PDB file of N, CA and C in Angstrom:
ATOM      1  N   MET A   1     -72.298  51.368  61.392  1.00  0.00           N
ATOM      2  CA  MET A   1     -72.463  50.597  62.599  1.00  0.00           C
ATOM      3  C   MET A   1     -73.615  51.205  63.401  1.00  0.00           C
ATOM      4  N   ASN A   2     -74.481  50.340  63.897  1.00  0.00           N
ATOM      5  CA  ASN A   2     -75.591  50.837  64.710  1.00  0.00           C
ATOM      6  C   ASN A   2     -75.164  50.914  66.182  1.00  0.00           C
ATOM      7  N   PRO A   3     -76.025  51.416  67.067  1.00  0.00           N
ATOM      8  CA  PRO A   3     -75.631  51.571  68.478  1.00  0.00           C
ATOM      9  C   PRO A   3     -75.206  50.270  69.168  1.00  0.00           C
ATOM     10  N   CYS A   4     -75.637  49.133  68.663  1.00  0.00           N
ATOM     11  CA  CYS A   4     -75.246  47.841  69.244  1.00  0.00           C
ATOM     12  C   CYS A   4     -73.930  47.331  68.667  1.00  0.00           C
ATOM     13  N   GLY A   5     -73.339  48.097  67.750  1.00  0.00           N
ATOM     14  CA  GLY A   5     -72.089  47.685  67.136  1.00  0.00           C
ATOM     15  C   GLY A   5     -72.268  46.752  65.958  1.00  0.00           C
ATOM     16  N   GLN A   6     -73.483  46.641  65.469  1.00  0.00           N
ATOM     17  CA  GLN A   6     -73.744  45.751  64.334  1.00  0.00           C
ATOM     18  C   GLN A   6     -73.425  46.482  63.040  1.00  0.00           C
ATOM     19  N   THR A   7     -72.552  45.873  62.245  1.00  0.00           N
ATOM     20  CA  THR A   7     -72.178  46.435  60.951  1.00  0.00           C
ATOM     21  C   THR A   7     -73.211  46.021  59.902  1.00  0.00           C
ATOM     22  N   PRO A   8     -73.172  46.645  58.714  1.00  0.00           N
ATOM     23  CA  PRO A   8     -74.063  46.190  57.651  1.00  0.00           C
ATOM     24  C   PRO A   8     -73.888  44.705  57.329  1.00  0.00           C
ATOM     25  N   LEU A   9     -72.652  44.212  57.408  1.00  0.00           N
ATOM     26  CA  LEU A   9     -72.409  42.787  57.163  1.00  0.00           C
ATOM     27  C   LEU A   9     -73.106  41.927  58.203  1.00  0.00           C
ATOM     28  N   PHE A  10     -73.020  42.309  59.465  1.00  0.00           N
ATOM     29  CA  PHE A  10     -73.697  41.563  60.524  1.00  0.00           C
ATOM     30  C   PHE A  10     -75.209  41.576  60.290  1.00  0.00           C
ATOM     31  N   CYS A  11     -75.747  42.730  59.942  1.00  0.00           N
ATOM     32  CA  CYS A  11     -77.202  42.846  59.723  1.00  0.00           C
ATOM     33  C   CYS A  11     -77.653  41.993  58.538  1.00  0.00           C
ATOM     34  N   ALA A  12     -76.852  41.956  57.482  1.00  0.00           N
ATOM     35  CA  ALA A  12     -77.195  41.120  56.325  1.00  0.00           C
ATOM     36  C   ALA A  12     -77.185  39.642  56.714  1.00  0.00           C
ATOM     37  N   ALA A  13     -76.203  39.232  57.492  1.00  0.00           N
ATOM     38  CA  ALA A  13     -76.150  37.846  57.950  1.00  0.00           C
ATOM     39  C   ALA A  13     -77.319  37.545  58.875  1.00  0.00           C
ATOM     40  N   LYS A  14     -77.678  38.511  59.704  1.00  0.00           N
ATOM     41  CA  LYS A  14     -78.773  38.337  60.658  1.00  0.00           C
ATOM     42  C   LYS A  14     -80.100  38.075  59.949  1.00  0.00           C
ATOM     43  N   GLU A  15     -80.284  38.702  58.808  1.00  0.00           N
ATOM     44  CA  GLU A  15     -81.524  38.516  58.059  1.00  0.00           C
ATOM     45  C   GLU A  15     -81.604  37.126  57.436  1.00  0.00           C
ATOM     46  N   GLY A  16     -80.473  36.461  57.308  1.00  0.00           N
ATOM     47  CA  GLY A  16     -80.448  35.106  56.753  1.00  0.00           C
ATOM     48  C   GLY A  16     -80.766  35.097  55.270  1.00  0.00           C
ATOM     49  N   ARG A  17     -80.198  34.145  54.586  1.00  0.00           N
ATOM     50  CA  ARG A  17     -80.432  33.956  53.150  1.00  0.00           C
ATOM     51  C   ARG A  17     -80.118  35.223  52.352  1.00  0.00           C
ATOM     52  N   GLN A  18     -79.138  35.987  52.802  1.00  0.00           N
ATOM     53  CA  GLN A  18     -78.737  37.224  52.132  1.00  0.00           C
ATOM     54  C   GLN A  18     -77.346  37.066  51.521  1.00  0.00           C
ATOM     55  N   GLU A  19     -77.062  35.907  50.946  1.00  0.00           N
ATOM     56  CA  GLU A  19     -75.716  35.608  50.475  1.00  0.00           C
ATOM     57  C   GLU A  19     -75.198  36.637  49.480  1.00  0.00           C
ATOM     58  N   ILE A  20     -76.052  37.119  48.593  1.00  0.00           N
ATOM     59  CA  ILE A  20     -75.616  38.086  47.582  1.00  0.00           C
ATOM     60  C   ILE A  20     -75.177  39.383  48.254  1.00  0.00           C
ATOM     61  N   VAL A  21     -75.935  39.850  49.215  1.00  0.00           N
ATOM     62  CA  VAL A  21     -75.581  41.078  49.936  1.00  0.00           C
ATOM     63  C   VAL A  21     -74.299  40.857  50.725  1.00  0.00           C
ATOM     64  N   VAL A  22     -74.188  39.719  51.396  1.00  0.00           N
ATOM     65  CA  VAL A  22     -72.987  39.399  52.162  1.00  0.00           C
ATOM     66  C   VAL A  22     -71.775  39.374  51.238  1.00  0.00           C
ATOM     67  N   GLN A  23     -71.888  38.712  50.100  1.00  0.00           N
ATOM     68  CA  GLN A  23     -70.781  38.650  49.138  1.00  0.00           C
ATOM     69  C   GLN A  23     -70.388  40.044  48.667  1.00  0.00           C
ATOM     70  N   LEU A  24     -71.365  40.876  48.364  1.00  0.00           N
ATOM     71  CA  LEU A  24     -71.088  42.241  47.907  1.00  0.00           C
ATOM     72  C   LEU A  24     -70.366  43.042  48.988  1.00  0.00           C
ATOM     73  N   LEU A  25     -70.836  42.945  50.222  1.00  0.00           N
ATOM     74  CA  LEU A  25     -70.192  43.666  51.322  1.00  0.00           C
ATOM     75  C   LEU A  25     -68.765  43.180  51.540  1.00  0.00           C
ATOM     76  N   LEU A  26     -68.563  41.864  51.533  1.00  0.00           N
ATOM     77  CA  LEU A  26     -67.219  41.316  51.726  1.00  0.00           C
ATOM     78  C   LEU A  26     -66.283  41.727  50.592  1.00  0.00           C
ATOM     79  N   SER A  27     -66.775  41.693  49.365  1.00  0.00           N
ATOM     80  CA  SER A  27     -65.919  42.077  48.231  1.00  0.00           C
ATOM     81  C   SER A  27     -65.616  43.568  48.236  1.00  0.00           C
ATOM     82  N   SER A  28     -66.413  44.335  48.963  1.00  0.00           N
ATOM     83  CA  SER A  28     -66.178  45.776  49.083  1.00  0.00           C
ATOM     84  C   SER A  28     -65.347  46.125  50.319  1.00  0.00           C
ATOM     85  N   GLY A  29     -64.866  45.097  51.024  1.00  0.00           N
ATOM     86  CA  GLY A  29     -63.973  45.340  52.145  1.00  0.00           C
ATOM     87  C   GLY A  29     -64.589  45.264  53.524  1.00  0.00           C
ATOM     88  N   ALA A  30     -65.810  44.788  53.645  1.00  0.00           N
ATOM     89  CA  ALA A  30     -66.425  44.652  54.970  1.00  0.00           C
ATOM     90  C   ALA A  30     -65.591  43.696  55.822  1.00  0.00           C
ATOM     91  N   ASN A  31     -65.484  43.997  57.086  1.00  0.00           N
ATOM     92  CA  ASN A  31     -64.659  43.213  58.001  1.00  0.00           C
ATOM     93  C   ASN A  31     -65.461  42.038  58.568  1.00  0.00           C
ATOM     94  N   PRO A  32     -65.127  40.792  58.202  1.00  0.00           N
ATOM     95  CA  PRO A  32     -65.864  39.641  58.729  1.00  0.00           C
ATOM     96  C   PRO A  32     -65.553  39.369  60.201  1.00  0.00           C
ATOM     97  N   ASN A  33     -64.537  40.063  60.745  1.00  0.00           N
ATOM     98  CA  ASN A  33     -64.149  39.882  62.148  1.00  0.00           C
ATOM     99  C   ASN A  33     -64.673  40.988  63.051  1.00  0.00           C
ATOM    100  N   ALA A  34     -65.507  41.894  62.529  1.00  0.00           N
ATOM    101  CA  ALA A  34     -66.039  42.989  63.339  1.00  0.00           C
ATOM    102  C   ALA A  34     -66.900  42.420  64.470  1.00  0.00           C
ATOM    103  N   VAL A  35     -66.647  42.879  65.674  1.00  0.00           N
ATOM    104  CA  VAL A  35     -67.324  42.356  66.863  1.00  0.00           C
ATOM    105  C   VAL A  35     -68.370  43.359  67.350  1.00  0.00           C
ATOM    106  N   THR A  36     -69.584  42.868  67.583  1.00  0.00           N
ATOM    107  CA  THR A  36     -70.639  43.725  68.121  1.00  0.00           C
ATOM    108  C   THR A  36     -70.376  43.988  69.605  1.00  0.00           C
ATOM    109  N   LYS A  37     -71.150  44.879  70.180  1.00  0.00           N
ATOM    110  CA  LYS A  37     -70.996  45.191  71.600  1.00  0.00           C
ATOM    111  C   LYS A  37     -71.349  44.005  72.488  1.00  0.00           C
ATOM    112  N   LEU A  38     -72.073  43.042  71.953  1.00  0.00           N
ATOM    113  CA  LEU A  38     -72.417  41.839  72.720  1.00  0.00           C
ATOM    114  C   LEU A  38     -71.473  40.677  72.424  1.00  0.00           C
ATOM    115  N   GLY A  39     -70.416  40.951  71.654  1.00  0.00           N
ATOM    116  CA  GLY A  39     -69.393  39.947  71.436  1.00  0.00           C
ATOM    117  C   GLY A  39     -69.604  39.006  70.275  1.00  0.00           C
ATOM    118  N   SER A  40     -70.543  39.290  69.403  1.00  0.00           N
ATOM    119  CA  SER A  40     -70.791  38.414  68.268  1.00  0.00           C
ATOM    120  C   SER A  40     -70.086  38.953  67.024  1.00  0.00           C
ATOM    121  N   THR A  41     -69.974  38.101  66.023  1.00  0.00           N
ATOM    122  CA  THR A  41     -69.435  38.482  64.718  1.00  0.00           C
ATOM    123  C   THR A  41     -70.378  37.931  63.646  1.00  0.00           C
ATOM    124  N   PRO A  42     -70.240  38.393  62.399  1.00  0.00           N
ATOM    125  CA  PRO A  42     -71.071  37.811  61.337  1.00  0.00           C
ATOM    126  C   PRO A  42     -70.894  36.294  61.220  1.00  0.00           C
ATOM    127  N   PHE A  43     -69.662  35.810  61.398  1.00  0.00           N
ATOM    128  CA  PHE A  43     -69.400  34.379  61.300  1.00  0.00           C
ATOM    129  C   PHE A  43     -70.046  33.599  62.445  1.00  0.00           C
ATOM    130  N   LEU A  44     -69.956  34.126  63.666  1.00  0.00           N
ATOM    131  CA  LEU A  44     -70.620  33.470  64.799  1.00  0.00           C
ATOM    132  C   LEU A  44     -72.122  33.400  64.561  1.00  0.00           C
ATOM    133  N   LEU A  45     -72.679  34.498  64.086  1.00  0.00           N
ATOM    134  CA  LEU A  45     -74.113  34.530  63.816  1.00  0.00           C
ATOM    135  C   LEU A  45     -74.487  33.536  62.725  1.00  0.00           C
ATOM    136  N   ALA A  46     -73.720  33.508  61.646  1.00  0.00           N
ATOM    137  CA  ALA A  46     -74.014  32.565  60.549  1.00  0.00           C
ATOM    138  C   ALA A  46     -73.944  31.128  61.043  1.00  0.00           C
ATOM    139  N   SER A  47     -73.005  30.852  61.940  1.00  0.00           N
ATOM    140  CA  SER A  47     -72.898  29.506  62.506  1.00  0.00           C
ATOM    141  C   SER A  47     -74.078  29.195  63.412  1.00  0.00           C
ATOM    142  N   GLU A  48     -74.524  30.210  64.134  1.00  0.00           N
ATOM    143  CA  GLU A  48     -75.668  30.010  65.026  1.00  0.00           C
ATOM    144  C   GLU A  48     -76.952  29.744  64.249  1.00  0.00           C
ATOM    145  N   ILE A  49     -77.137  30.467  63.128  1.00  0.00           N
ATOM    146  CA  ILE A  49     -78.350  30.264  62.329  1.00  0.00           C
ATOM    147  C   ILE A  49     -78.147  29.207  61.252  1.00  0.00           C
ATOM    148  N   CYS A  50     -76.924  28.639  61.204  1.00  0.00           N
ATOM    149  CA  CYS A  50     -76.592  27.527  60.317  1.00  0.00           C
ATOM    150  C   CYS A  50     -76.766  27.863  58.839  1.00  0.00           C
ATOM    151  N   ASP A  51     -76.260  29.017  58.431  1.00  0.00           N
ATOM    152  CA  ASP A  51     -76.333  29.436  57.035  1.00  0.00           C
ATOM    153  C   ASP A  51     -75.009  29.100  56.356  1.00  0.00           C
ATOM    154  N   LEU A  52     -74.983  27.985  55.638  1.00  0.00           N
ATOM    155  CA  LEU A  52     -73.752  27.485  55.042  1.00  0.00           C
ATOM    156  C   LEU A  52     -73.122  28.454  54.045  1.00  0.00           C
ATOM    157  N   GLU A  53     -73.931  29.163  53.286  1.00  0.00           N
ATOM    158  CA  GLU A  53     -73.386  30.089  52.292  1.00  0.00           C
ATOM    159  C   GLU A  53     -72.686  31.269  52.950  1.00  0.00           C
ATOM    160  N   ILE A  54     -73.268  31.799  54.007  1.00  0.00           N
ATOM    161  CA  ILE A  54     -72.644  32.926  54.700  1.00  0.00           C
ATOM    162  C   ILE A  54     -71.413  32.453  55.471  1.00  0.00           C
ATOM    163  N   ILE A  55     -71.462  31.259  56.038  1.00  0.00           N
ATOM    164  CA  ILE A  55     -70.287  30.687  56.695  1.00  0.00           C
ATOM    165  C   ILE A  55     -69.142  30.597  55.690  1.00  0.00           C
ATOM    166  N   ALA A  56     -69.420  30.071  54.514  1.00  0.00           N
ATOM    167  CA  ALA A  56     -68.391  29.914  53.484  1.00  0.00           C
ATOM    168  C   ALA A  56     -67.841  31.273  53.052  1.00  0.00           C
ATOM    169  N   ALA A  57     -68.722  32.233  52.836  1.00  0.00           N
ATOM    170  CA  ALA A  57     -68.278  33.563  52.394  1.00  0.00           C
ATOM    171  C   ALA A  57     -67.371  34.214  53.431  1.00  0.00           C
ATOM    172  N   CYS A  58     -67.740  34.107  54.692  1.00  0.00           N
ATOM    173  CA  CYS A  58     -66.911  34.694  55.757  1.00  0.00           C
ATOM    174  C   CYS A  58     -65.575  33.965  55.873  1.00  0.00           C
ATOM    175  N   ALA A  59     -65.601  32.644  55.782  1.00  0.00           N
ATOM    176  CA  ALA A  59     -64.363  31.867  55.879  1.00  0.00           C
ATOM    177  C   ALA A  59     -63.422  32.228  54.737  1.00  0.00           C
ATOM    178  N   GLU A  60     -63.956  32.338  53.543  1.00  0.00           N
ATOM    179  CA  GLU A  60     -63.136  32.684  52.384  1.00  0.00           C
ATOM    180  C   GLU A  60     -62.617  34.113  52.457  1.00  0.00           C
ATOM    181  N   ALA A  61     -63.273  34.964  53.236  1.00  0.00           N
ATOM    182  CA  ALA A  61     -62.841  36.354  53.399  1.00  0.00           C
ATOM    183  C   ALA A  61     -61.814  36.505  54.521  1.00  0.00           C
ATOM    184  N   GLY A  62     -61.440  35.390  55.136  1.00  0.00           N
ATOM    185  CA  GLY A  62     -60.391  35.441  56.143  1.00  0.00           C
ATOM    186  C   GLY A  62     -60.847  35.652  57.571  1.00  0.00           C
ATOM    187  N   VAL A  63     -62.038  35.208  57.887  1.00  0.00           N
ATOM    188  CA  VAL A  63     -62.556  35.353  59.243  1.00  0.00           C
ATOM    189  C   VAL A  63     -61.699  34.560  60.235  1.00  0.00           C
ATOM    190  N   ASP A  64     -61.646  35.025  61.468  1.00  0.00           N
ATOM    191  CA  ASP A  64     -60.956  34.309  62.544  1.00  0.00           C
ATOM    192  C   ASP A  64     -61.854  33.147  62.973  1.00  0.00           C
ATOM    193  N   LEU A  65     -61.511  31.945  62.543  1.00  0.00           N
ATOM    194  CA  LEU A  65     -62.347  30.774  62.802  1.00  0.00           C
ATOM    195  C   LEU A  65     -62.411  30.396  64.275  1.00  0.00           C
ATOM    196  N   ASP A  66     -61.424  30.813  65.038  1.00  0.00           N
ATOM    197  CA  ASP A  66     -61.357  30.438  66.452  1.00  0.00           C
ATOM    198  C   ASP A  66     -61.822  31.533  67.396  1.00  0.00           C
ATOM    199  N   PHE A  67     -62.374  32.617  66.863  1.00  0.00           N
ATOM    200  CA  PHE A  67     -62.829  33.711  67.718  1.00  0.00           C
ATOM    201  C   PHE A  67     -63.931  33.222  68.658  1.00  0.00           C
ATOM    202  N   ALA A  68     -63.866  33.671  69.889  1.00  0.00           N
ATOM    203  CA  ALA A  68     -64.906  33.375  70.874  1.00  0.00           C
ATOM    204  C   ALA A  68     -65.138  34.640  71.704  1.00  0.00           C
ATOM    205  N   PRO A  69     -66.383  34.969  71.988  1.00  0.00           N
ATOM    206  CA  PRO A  69     -66.676  36.145  72.795  1.00  0.00           C
ATOM    207  C   PRO A  69     -66.023  36.059  74.168  1.00  0.00           C
ATOM    208  N   SER A  70     -65.626  37.207  74.675  1.00  0.00           N
ATOM    209  CA  SER A  70     -65.079  37.259  76.023  1.00  0.00           C
ATOM    210  C   SER A  70     -65.369  38.628  76.621  1.00  0.00           C
ATOM    211  N   GLY A  71     -65.140  38.758  77.893  1.00  0.00           N
ATOM    212  CA  GLY A  71     -65.372  40.024  78.570  1.00  0.00           C
ATOM    213  C   GLY A  71     -66.665  40.024  79.363  1.00  0.00           C
ATOM    214  N   ARG A  72     -66.933  41.159  79.992  1.00  0.00           N
ATOM    215  CA  ARG A  72     -68.082  41.289  80.891  1.00  0.00           C
ATOM    216  C   ARG A  72     -69.410  41.001  80.200  1.00  0.00           C
ATOM    217  N   ASP A  73     -69.619  41.590  79.022  1.00  0.00           N
ATOM    218  CA  ASP A  73     -70.896  41.368  78.324  1.00  0.00           C
ATOM    219  C   ASP A  73     -71.088  39.900  77.955  1.00  0.00           C
ATOM    220  N   ALA A  74     -70.017  39.261  77.495  1.00  0.00           N
ATOM    221  CA  ALA A  74     -70.110  37.837  77.153  1.00  0.00           C
ATOM    222  C   ALA A  74     -70.380  37.003  78.399  1.00  0.00           C
ATOM    223  N   ASP A  75     -69.735  37.371  79.496  1.00  0.00           N
ATOM    224  CA  ASP A  75     -69.982  36.662  80.759  1.00  0.00           C
ATOM    225  C   ASP A  75     -71.436  36.808  81.190  1.00  0.00           C
ATOM    226  N   ASN A  76     -71.964  38.033  81.077  1.00  0.00           N
ATOM    227  CA  ASN A  76     -73.353  38.290  81.474  1.00  0.00           C
ATOM    228  C   ASN A  76     -74.341  37.502  80.624  1.00  0.00           C
ATOM    229  N   LEU A  77     -73.987  37.273  79.361  1.00  0.00           N
ATOM    230  CA  LEU A  77     -74.864  36.527  78.453  1.00  0.00           C
ATOM    231  C   LEU A  77     -74.565  35.028  78.473  1.00  0.00           C
ATOM    232  N   ASN A  78     -73.583  34.637  79.272  1.00  0.00           N
ATOM    233  CA  ASN A  78     -73.172  33.239  79.370  1.00  0.00           C
ATOM    234  C   ASN A  78     -72.735  32.686  78.013  1.00  0.00           C
ATOM    235  N   ILE A  79     -71.991  33.496  77.255  1.00  0.00           N
ATOM    236  CA  ILE A  79     -71.505  33.051  75.945  1.00  0.00           C
ATOM    237  C   ILE A  79     -69.987  33.072  75.859  1.00  0.00           C
ATOM    238  N   THR A  80     -69.309  33.289  76.965  1.00  0.00           N
ATOM    239  CA  THR A  80     -67.851  33.334  76.955  1.00  0.00           C
ATOM    240  C   THR A  80     -67.291  32.019  76.426  1.00  0.00           C
ATOM    241  N   GLY A  81     -66.395  32.118  75.453  1.00  0.00           N
ATOM    242  CA  GLY A  81     -65.717  30.941  74.919  1.00  0.00           C
ATOM    243  C   GLY A  81     -66.486  30.145  73.889  1.00  0.00           C
ATOM    244  N   GLN A  82     -67.665  30.577  73.493  1.00  0.00           N
ATOM    245  CA  GLN A  82     -68.453  29.831  72.516  1.00  0.00           C
ATOM    246  C   GLN A  82     -67.990  30.179  71.104  1.00  0.00           C
ATOM    247  N   THR A  83     -67.275  29.266  70.492  1.00  0.00           N
ATOM    248  CA  THR A  83     -66.805  29.454  69.122  1.00  0.00           C
ATOM    249  C   THR A  83     -67.938  29.158  68.143  1.00  0.00           C
ATOM    250  N   ALA A  84     -67.692  29.459  66.879  1.00  0.00           N
ATOM    251  CA  ALA A  84     -68.679  29.164  65.840  1.00  0.00           C
ATOM    252  C   ALA A  84     -68.938  27.657  65.762  1.00  0.00           C
ATOM    253  N   LEU A  85     -67.890  26.871  65.905  1.00  0.00           N
ATOM    254  CA  LEU A  85     -68.051  25.413  65.895  1.00  0.00           C
ATOM    255  C   LEU A  85     -68.943  24.956  67.044  1.00  0.00           C
ATOM    256  N   PHE A  86     -68.751  25.527  68.223  1.00  0.00           N
ATOM    257  CA  PHE A  86     -69.576  25.198  69.374  1.00  0.00           C
ATOM    258  C   PHE A  86     -71.038  25.533  69.094  1.00  0.00           C
ATOM    259  N   MET A  87     -71.290  26.721  68.517  1.00  0.00           N
ATOM    260  CA  MET A  87     -72.670  27.137  68.256  1.00  0.00           C
ATOM    261  C   MET A  87     -73.369  26.202  67.277  1.00  0.00           C
ATOM    262  N   ALA A  88     -72.665  25.788  66.227  1.00  0.00           N
ATOM    263  CA  ALA A  88     -73.256  24.864  65.260  1.00  0.00           C
ATOM    264  C   ALA A  88     -73.496  23.498  65.894  1.00  0.00           C
ATOM    265  N   THR A  89     -72.564  23.060  66.735  1.00  0.00           N
ATOM    266  CA  THR A  89     -72.716  21.783  67.430  1.00  0.00           C
ATOM    267  C   THR A  89     -73.906  21.828  68.370  1.00  0.00           C
ATOM    268  N   LEU A  90     -74.049  22.934  69.084  1.00  0.00           N
ATOM    269  CA  LEU A  90     -75.159  23.107  70.014  1.00  0.00           C
ATOM    270  C   LEU A  90     -76.505  22.979  69.309  1.00  0.00           C
ATOM    271  N   LYS A  91     -76.549  23.421  68.051  1.00  0.00           N
ATOM    272  CA  LYS A  91     -77.789  23.331  67.261  1.00  0.00           C
ATOM    273  C   LYS A  91     -77.987  21.945  66.654  1.00  0.00           C
ATOM    274  N   GLY A  92     -76.975  21.073  66.818  1.00  0.00           N
ATOM    275  CA  GLY A  92     -77.086  19.729  66.263  1.00  0.00           C
ATOM    276  C   GLY A  92     -76.971  19.690  64.756  1.00  0.00           C
ATOM    277  N   ARG A  93     -76.275  20.661  64.195  1.00  0.00           N
ATOM    278  CA  ARG A  93     -76.164  20.765  62.742  1.00  0.00           C
ATOM    279  C   ARG A  93     -74.873  20.136  62.243  1.00  0.00           C
ATOM    280  N   SER A  94     -74.930  18.836  61.999  1.00  0.00           N
ATOM    281  CA  SER A  94     -73.737  18.127  61.528  1.00  0.00           C
ATOM    282  C   SER A  94     -73.295  18.646  60.152  1.00  0.00           C
ATOM    283  N   ASP A  95     -74.233  19.134  59.338  1.00  0.00           N
ATOM    284  CA  ASP A  95     -73.853  19.654  58.020  1.00  0.00           C
ATOM    285  C   ASP A  95     -72.940  20.867  58.161  1.00  0.00           C
ATOM    286  N   VAL A  96     -73.179  21.697  59.157  1.00  0.00           N
ATOM    287  CA  VAL A  96     -72.325  22.869  59.380  1.00  0.00           C
ATOM    288  C   VAL A  96     -71.000  22.431  59.988  1.00  0.00           C
ATOM    289  N   VAL A  97     -71.069  21.547  60.957  1.00  0.00           N
ATOM    290  CA  VAL A  97     -69.860  21.079  61.648  1.00  0.00           C
ATOM    291  C   VAL A  97     -68.921  20.380  60.690  1.00  0.00           C
ATOM    292  N   MET A  98     -69.457  19.688  59.705  1.00  0.00           N
ATOM    293  CA  MET A  98     -68.634  18.905  58.782  1.00  0.00           C
ATOM    294  C   MET A  98     -68.070  19.715  57.615  1.00  0.00           C
ATOM    295  N   THR A  99     -68.323  21.003  57.552  1.00  0.00           N
ATOM    296  CA  THR A  99     -67.721  21.807  56.490  1.00  0.00           C
ATOM    297  C   THR A  99     -66.217  21.852  56.679  1.00  0.00           C
ATOM    298  N   ASN A 100     -65.510  22.245  55.659  1.00  0.00           N
ATOM    299  CA  ASN A 100     -64.050  22.345  55.726  1.00  0.00           C
ATOM    300  C   ASN A 100     -63.589  23.619  56.423  1.00  0.00           C
ATOM    301  N   TYR A 101     -64.489  24.385  56.978  1.00  0.00           N
ATOM    302  CA  TYR A 101     -64.123  25.671  57.548  1.00  0.00           C
ATOM    303  C   TYR A 101     -63.778  25.595  59.029  1.00  0.00           C
ATOM    304  N   PHE A 102     -64.075  24.482  59.690  1.00  0.00           N
ATOM    305  CA  PHE A 102     -63.816  24.385  61.128  1.00  0.00           C
ATOM    306  C   PHE A 102     -62.624  23.497  61.395  1.00  0.00           C
TER     307      PHE A 102
END
């Protein structure tokens, strides 16, 4: 974990198009529900960048589909209550919204 609370799984998702690395980390026990200091998770990030493969991998690994950032940092960033579904909707990505994961 880096000083911002980003795990290797979060960093792999952040780079985008890293499905093989994400799959390897998840199969090795990486926590898809790990929350960064700013209230994000690998699944929230994948939904924000609309990466269907990483969304699927996290969902299949048992991610909390209804997680939403909360607390002071989330309030300061104006992201309190923004679920992964909300983030994909905000981007206008019907392909992400229509997956079976939400």
